[in-house]
PDB file of N, CA and C in Angstrom:
ATOM      1  N   UNK A   1      -2.842 -24.744  18.461  1.00  0.00           N
ATOM      2  CA  UNK A   1      -1.829 -24.789  18.063  1.00  0.00           C
ATOM      3  C   UNK A   1      -2.882 -24.310  16.506  1.00  0.00           C
ATOM      4  N   UNK A   2      -2.028 -23.490  15.128  1.00  0.00           N
ATOM      5  CA  UNK A   2      -2.544 -22.393  14.421  1.00  0.00           C
ATOM      6  C   UNK A   2      -2.840 -23.128  13.052  1.00  0.00           C
ATOM      7  N   UNK A   3      -3.625 -23.561  12.634  1.00  0.00           N
ATOM      8  CA  UNK A   3      -4.012 -23.746  11.547  1.00  0.00           C
ATOM      9  C   UNK A   3      -3.126 -23.361   9.830  1.00  0.00           C
ATOM     10  N   UNK A   4      -3.121 -23.492   8.432  1.00  0.00           N
ATOM     11  CA  UNK A   4      -2.292 -22.982   8.015  1.00  0.00           C
ATOM     12  C   UNK A   4      -2.189 -21.728   7.415  1.00  0.00           C
ATOM     13  N   UNK A   5      -4.011 -22.077   6.877  1.00  0.00           N
ATOM     14  CA  UNK A   5      -4.786 -19.939   6.685  1.00  0.00           C
ATOM     15  C   UNK A   5      -4.430 -19.195   7.775  1.00  0.00           C
ATOM     16  N   UNK A   6      -4.527 -19.012   8.562  1.00  0.00           N
ATOM     17  CA  UNK A   6      -3.990 -18.912   9.629  1.00  0.00           C
ATOM     18  C   UNK A   6      -2.338 -17.641   9.531  1.00  0.00           C
ATOM     19  N   UNK A   7      -2.256 -18.467   9.506  1.00  0.00           N
ATOM     20  CA  UNK A   7      -0.660 -18.914   9.873  1.00  0.00           C
ATOM     21  C   UNK A   7       0.145 -17.632   8.729  1.00  0.00           C
ATOM     22  N   UNK A   8      -0.736 -17.993   6.976  1.00  0.00           N
ATOM     23  CA  UNK A   8      -1.010 -17.276   5.887  1.00  0.00           C
ATOM     24  C   UNK A   8      -1.053 -15.702   5.578  1.00  0.00           C
ATOM     25  N   UNK A   9      -2.381 -16.062   6.490  1.00  0.00           N
ATOM     26  CA  UNK A   9      -2.729 -14.317   6.829  1.00  0.00           C
ATOM     27  C   UNK A   9      -2.274 -13.283   7.531  1.00  0.00           C
ATOM     28  N   UNK A  10      -1.409 -14.397   9.011  1.00  0.00           N
ATOM     29  CA  UNK A  10      -0.767 -13.345   9.292  1.00  0.00           C
ATOM     30  C   UNK A  10       0.549 -12.712   9.054  1.00  0.00           C
ATOM     31  N   UNK A  11       1.229 -13.962   8.376  1.00  0.00           N
ATOM     32  CA  UNK A  11       1.922 -13.573   7.382  1.00  0.00           C
ATOM     33  C   UNK A  11       1.798 -11.939   6.214  1.00  0.00           C
ATOM     34  N   UNK A  12       0.514 -11.800   5.937  1.00  0.00           N
ATOM     35  CA  UNK A  12       0.171 -10.732   4.516  1.00  0.00           C
ATOM     36  C   UNK A  12       0.146  -9.851   5.438  1.00  0.00           C
ATOM     37  N   UNK A  13      -0.395 -10.549   6.895  1.00  0.00           N
ATOM     38  CA  UNK A  13      -1.086  -8.522   7.409  1.00  0.00           C
ATOM     39  C   UNK A  13       0.195  -8.192   7.732  1.00  0.00           C
ATOM     40  N   UNK A  14       1.132  -8.744   8.046  1.00  0.00           N
ATOM     41  CA  UNK A  14       2.221  -7.809   8.898  1.00  0.00           C
ATOM     42  C   UNK A  14       3.386  -7.374   7.891  1.00  0.00           C
ATOM     43  N   UNK A  15       3.007  -7.425   6.093  1.00  0.00           N
ATOM     44  CA  UNK A  15       3.391  -7.053   5.287  1.00  0.00           C
ATOM     45  C   UNK A  15       3.656  -6.021   5.102  1.00  0.00           C
ATOM     46  N   UNK A  16       4.708  -4.335   4.985  1.00  0.00           N
ATOM     47  CA  UNK A  16       4.251  -3.149   4.868  1.00  0.00           C
ATOM     48  C   UNK A  16       5.563  -3.038   3.495  1.00  0.00           C
ATOM     49  N   UNK A  17       4.667  -1.402   2.741  1.00  0.00           N
ATOM     50  CA  UNK A  17       5.699  -1.203   1.495  1.00  0.00           C
ATOM     51  C   UNK A  17       6.713  -1.718   1.530  1.00  0.00           C
ATOM     52  N   UNK A  18       8.099  -1.967   0.860  1.00  0.00           N
ATOM     53  CA  UNK A  18       8.830  -1.643   0.303  1.00  0.00           C
ATOM     54  C   UNK A  18       9.733  -0.959  -0.550  1.00  0.00           C
ATOM     55  N   UNK A  19      10.840  -0.370  -0.922  1.00  0.00           N
ATOM     56  CA  UNK A  19      11.003  -0.083  -2.331  1.00  0.00           C
ATOM     57  C   UNK A  19      11.415  -1.161  -3.228  1.00  0.00           C
ATOM     58  N   UNK A  20      11.604  -2.795  -2.392  1.00  0.00           N
ATOM     59  CA  UNK A  20      12.221  -3.976  -3.527  1.00  0.00           C
ATOM     60  C   UNK A  20      10.683  -4.194  -3.955  1.00  0.00           C
ATOM     61  N   UNK A  21       9.253  -3.437  -3.305  1.00  0.00           N
ATOM     62  CA  UNK A  21       8.481  -4.140  -4.494  1.00  0.00           C
ATOM     63  C   UNK A  21       8.323  -3.627  -5.606  1.00  0.00           C
ATOM     64  N   UNK A  22       8.551  -2.664  -5.898  1.00  0.00           N
ATOM     65  CA  UNK A  22       8.189  -2.249  -7.455  1.00  0.00           C
ATOM     66  C   UNK A  22       9.111  -3.124  -8.317  1.00  0.00           C
ATOM     67  N   UNK A  23      10.002  -4.476  -8.157  1.00  0.00           N
ATOM     68  CA  UNK A  23      10.947  -5.160  -8.988  1.00  0.00           C
ATOM     69  C   UNK A  23      10.197  -6.851  -8.571  1.00  0.00           C
ATOM     70  N   UNK A  24       9.406  -7.163  -7.643  1.00  0.00           N
ATOM     71  CA  UNK A  24       9.415  -8.566  -7.051  1.00  0.00           C
ATOM     72  C   UNK A  24       7.826  -8.719  -8.369  1.00  0.00           C
ATOM     73  N   UNK A  25       7.112 -10.013  -8.070  1.00  0.00           N
ATOM     74  CA  UNK A  25       6.492  -9.860  -9.981  1.00  0.00           C
ATOM     75  C   UNK A  25       5.073 -10.721  -8.708  1.00  0.00           C
ATOM     76  N   UNK A  26       5.406 -10.845  -7.776  1.00  0.00           N
ATOM     77  CA  UNK A  26       4.734 -11.209  -6.916  1.00  0.00           C
ATOM     78  C   UNK A  26       2.702 -10.283  -6.276  1.00  0.00           C
ATOM     79  N   UNK A  27       1.761 -10.929  -6.257  1.00  0.00           N
ATOM     80  CA  UNK A  27       0.360  -9.829  -5.962  1.00  0.00           C
ATOM     81  C   UNK A  27       0.394  -8.829  -5.162  1.00  0.00           C
ATOM     82  N   UNK A  28       0.819  -9.550  -3.765  1.00  0.00           N
ATOM     83  CA  UNK A  28       1.318  -8.640  -2.840  1.00  0.00           C
ATOM     84  C   UNK A  28       2.078  -7.806  -3.066  1.00  0.00           C
ATOM     85  N   UNK A  29       3.015  -7.679  -3.392  1.00  0.00           N
ATOM     86  CA  UNK A  29       4.218  -6.929  -3.540  1.00  0.00           C
ATOM     87  C   UNK A  29       3.757  -5.710  -5.010  1.00  0.00           C
ATOM     88  N   UNK A  30       3.322  -6.077  -6.155  1.00  0.00           N
ATOM     89  CA  UNK A  30       2.440  -5.234  -6.980  1.00  0.00           C
ATOM     90  C   UNK A  30       1.343  -4.541  -6.034  1.00  0.00           C
ATOM     91  N   UNK A  31       0.626  -4.772  -5.149  1.00  0.00           N
ATOM     92  CA  UNK A  31      -0.291  -4.203  -4.877  1.00  0.00           C
ATOM     93  C   UNK A  31      -0.156  -2.979  -3.806  1.00  0.00           C
ATOM     94  N   UNK A  32       0.615  -3.517  -3.134  1.00  0.00           N
ATOM     95  CA  UNK A  32       1.714  -2.597  -2.198  1.00  0.00           C
ATOM     96  C   UNK A  32       2.672  -1.643  -2.680  1.00  0.00           C
ATOM     97  N   UNK A  33       2.967  -2.368  -4.092  1.00  0.00           N
ATOM     98  CA  UNK A  33       3.847  -0.770  -5.186  1.00  0.00           C
ATOM     99  C   UNK A  33       2.774   0.190  -5.153  1.00  0.00           C
ATOM    100  N   UNK A  34       1.415  -0.848  -6.169  1.00  0.00           N
ATOM    101  CA  UNK A  34      -0.046   0.399  -6.440  1.00  0.00           C
ATOM    102  C   UNK A  34       0.010   1.308  -5.371  1.00  0.00           C
ATOM    103  N   UNK A  35      -0.336   0.785  -4.453  1.00  0.00           N
ATOM    104  CA  UNK A  35      -1.125   1.810  -3.751  1.00  0.00           C
ATOM    105  C   UNK A  35       0.038   2.430  -3.227  1.00  0.00           C
ATOM    106  N   UNK A  36       1.019   2.199  -2.831  1.00  0.00           N
ATOM    107  CA  UNK A  36       2.248   3.189  -2.365  1.00  0.00           C
ATOM    108  C   UNK A  36       2.027   4.242  -2.884  1.00  0.00           C
ATOM    109  N   UNK A  37       2.541   4.222  -4.483  1.00  0.00           N
ATOM    110  CA  UNK A  37       2.274   5.510  -5.095  1.00  0.00           C
ATOM    111  C   UNK A  37       0.764   6.093  -5.733  1.00  0.00           C
ATOM    112  N   UNK A  38      -0.091   5.525  -5.517  1.00  0.00           N
ATOM    113  CA  UNK A  38      -1.071   6.346  -5.645  1.00  0.00           C
ATOM    114  C   UNK A  38      -1.414   6.955  -4.073  1.00  0.00           C
ATOM    115  N   UNK A  39      -0.989   7.221  -2.874  1.00  0.00           N
ATOM    116  CA  UNK A  39      -0.738   7.832  -1.864  1.00  0.00           C
ATOM    117  C   UNK A  39      -0.273   8.794  -2.127  1.00  0.00           C
ATOM    118  N   UNK A  40       0.997   7.899  -2.162  1.00  0.00           N
ATOM    119  CA  UNK A  40       2.559   9.361  -2.223  1.00  0.00           C
ATOM    120  C   UNK A  40       1.917  10.492  -3.499  1.00  0.00           C
ATOM    121  N   UNK A  41       1.275   9.891  -4.718  1.00  0.00           N
ATOM    122  CA  UNK A  41       0.845  10.957  -4.891  1.00  0.00           C
ATOM    123  C   UNK A  41      -0.678  11.878  -4.901  1.00  0.00           C
ATOM    124  N   UNK A  42      -1.007  11.487  -4.169  1.00  0.00           N
ATOM    125  CA  UNK A  42      -2.624  12.373  -3.475  1.00  0.00           C
ATOM    126  C   UNK A  42      -1.623  13.224  -1.723  1.00  0.00           C
ATOM    127  N   UNK A  43      -0.573  12.848  -1.411  1.00  0.00           N
ATOM    128  CA  UNK A  43       0.001  13.261  -0.345  1.00  0.00           C
ATOM    129  C   UNK A  43       0.748  14.370  -1.134  1.00  0.00           C
ATOM    130  N   UNK A  44       1.447  14.217  -2.407  1.00  0.00           N
ATOM    131  CA  UNK A  44       2.291  15.239  -2.939  1.00  0.00           C
ATOM    132  C   UNK A  44       1.172  16.392  -3.969  1.00  0.00           C
ATOM    133  N   UNK A  45       0.319  16.184  -4.206  1.00  0.00           N
ATOM    134  CA  UNK A  45      -1.189  16.449  -4.694  1.00  0.00           C
ATOM    135  C   UNK A  45      -1.207  18.107  -3.776  1.00  0.00           C
ATOM    136  N   UNK A  46      -1.552  17.290  -2.556  1.00  0.00           N
ATOM    137  CA  UNK A  46      -2.277  18.312  -1.498  1.00  0.00           C
ATOM    138  C   UNK A  46      -3.763  18.295  -1.599  1.00  0.00           C
ATOM    139  N   UNK A  47      -4.373  19.200  -0.583  1.00  0.00           N
ATOM    140  CA  UNK A  47      -6.155  19.007  -0.805  1.00  0.00           C
ATOM    141  C   UNK A  47      -6.413  20.437  -1.846  1.00  0.00           C
ATOM    142  N   UNK A  48      -6.731  20.623  -2.756  1.00  0.00           N
ATOM    143  CA  UNK A  48      -7.655  21.890  -3.887  1.00  0.00           C
ATOM    144  C   UNK A  48      -8.712  22.300  -3.084  1.00  0.00           C
ATOM    145  N   UNK A  49      -8.094  23.978  -2.796  1.00  0.00           N
ATOM    146  CA  UNK A  49      -9.455  24.244  -2.044  1.00  0.00           C
ATOM    147  C   UNK A  49      -9.976  25.425  -3.492  1.00  0.00           C
ATOM    148  N   UNK A  50     -11.318  25.748  -3.224  1.00  0.00           N
ATOM    149  CA  UNK A  50     -11.817  26.770  -3.873  1.00  0.00           C
ATOM    150  C   UNK A  50     -11.130  27.727  -3.716  1.00  0.00           C
ATOM    151  N   UNK A  51     -11.503  28.765  -3.975  1.00  0.00           N
ATOM    152  CA  UNK A  51     -10.443  30.232  -4.129  1.00  0.00           C
ATOM    153  C   UNK A  51     -11.879  31.173  -2.815  1.00  0.00           C
ATOM    154  N   UNK A  52     -13.507  30.087  -3.257  1.00  0.00           N
ATOM    155  CA  UNK A  52     -14.680  31.037  -2.299  1.00  0.00           C
ATOM    156  C   UNK A  52     -14.630  30.754  -0.971  1.00  0.00           C
ATOM    157  N   UNK A  53     -13.128  29.496  -0.820  1.00  0.00           N
ATOM    158  CA  UNK A  53     -14.024  29.012   0.415  1.00  0.00           C
ATOM    159  C   UNK A  53     -12.965  29.866   1.378  1.00  0.00           C
ATOM    160  N   UNK A  54     -13.753  30.075   3.214  1.00  0.00           N
ATOM    161  CA  UNK A  54     -12.788  30.511   3.771  1.00  0.00           C
ATOM    162  C   UNK A  54     -12.707  29.500   4.674  1.00  0.00           C
TER     163      UNK A  54
END
């Protein structure tokens, strides 16, 4: 039999980003929305290479 903490941890570990997370007020949704925005910004920006690298 699983204990309550283990069940709660499993629920959190199975969460994925959803666009609805921007409109929710809980800590997990807020964190997922913020992380998604940061990763998206980094992906869109791409890698900046200096002009002297080959």
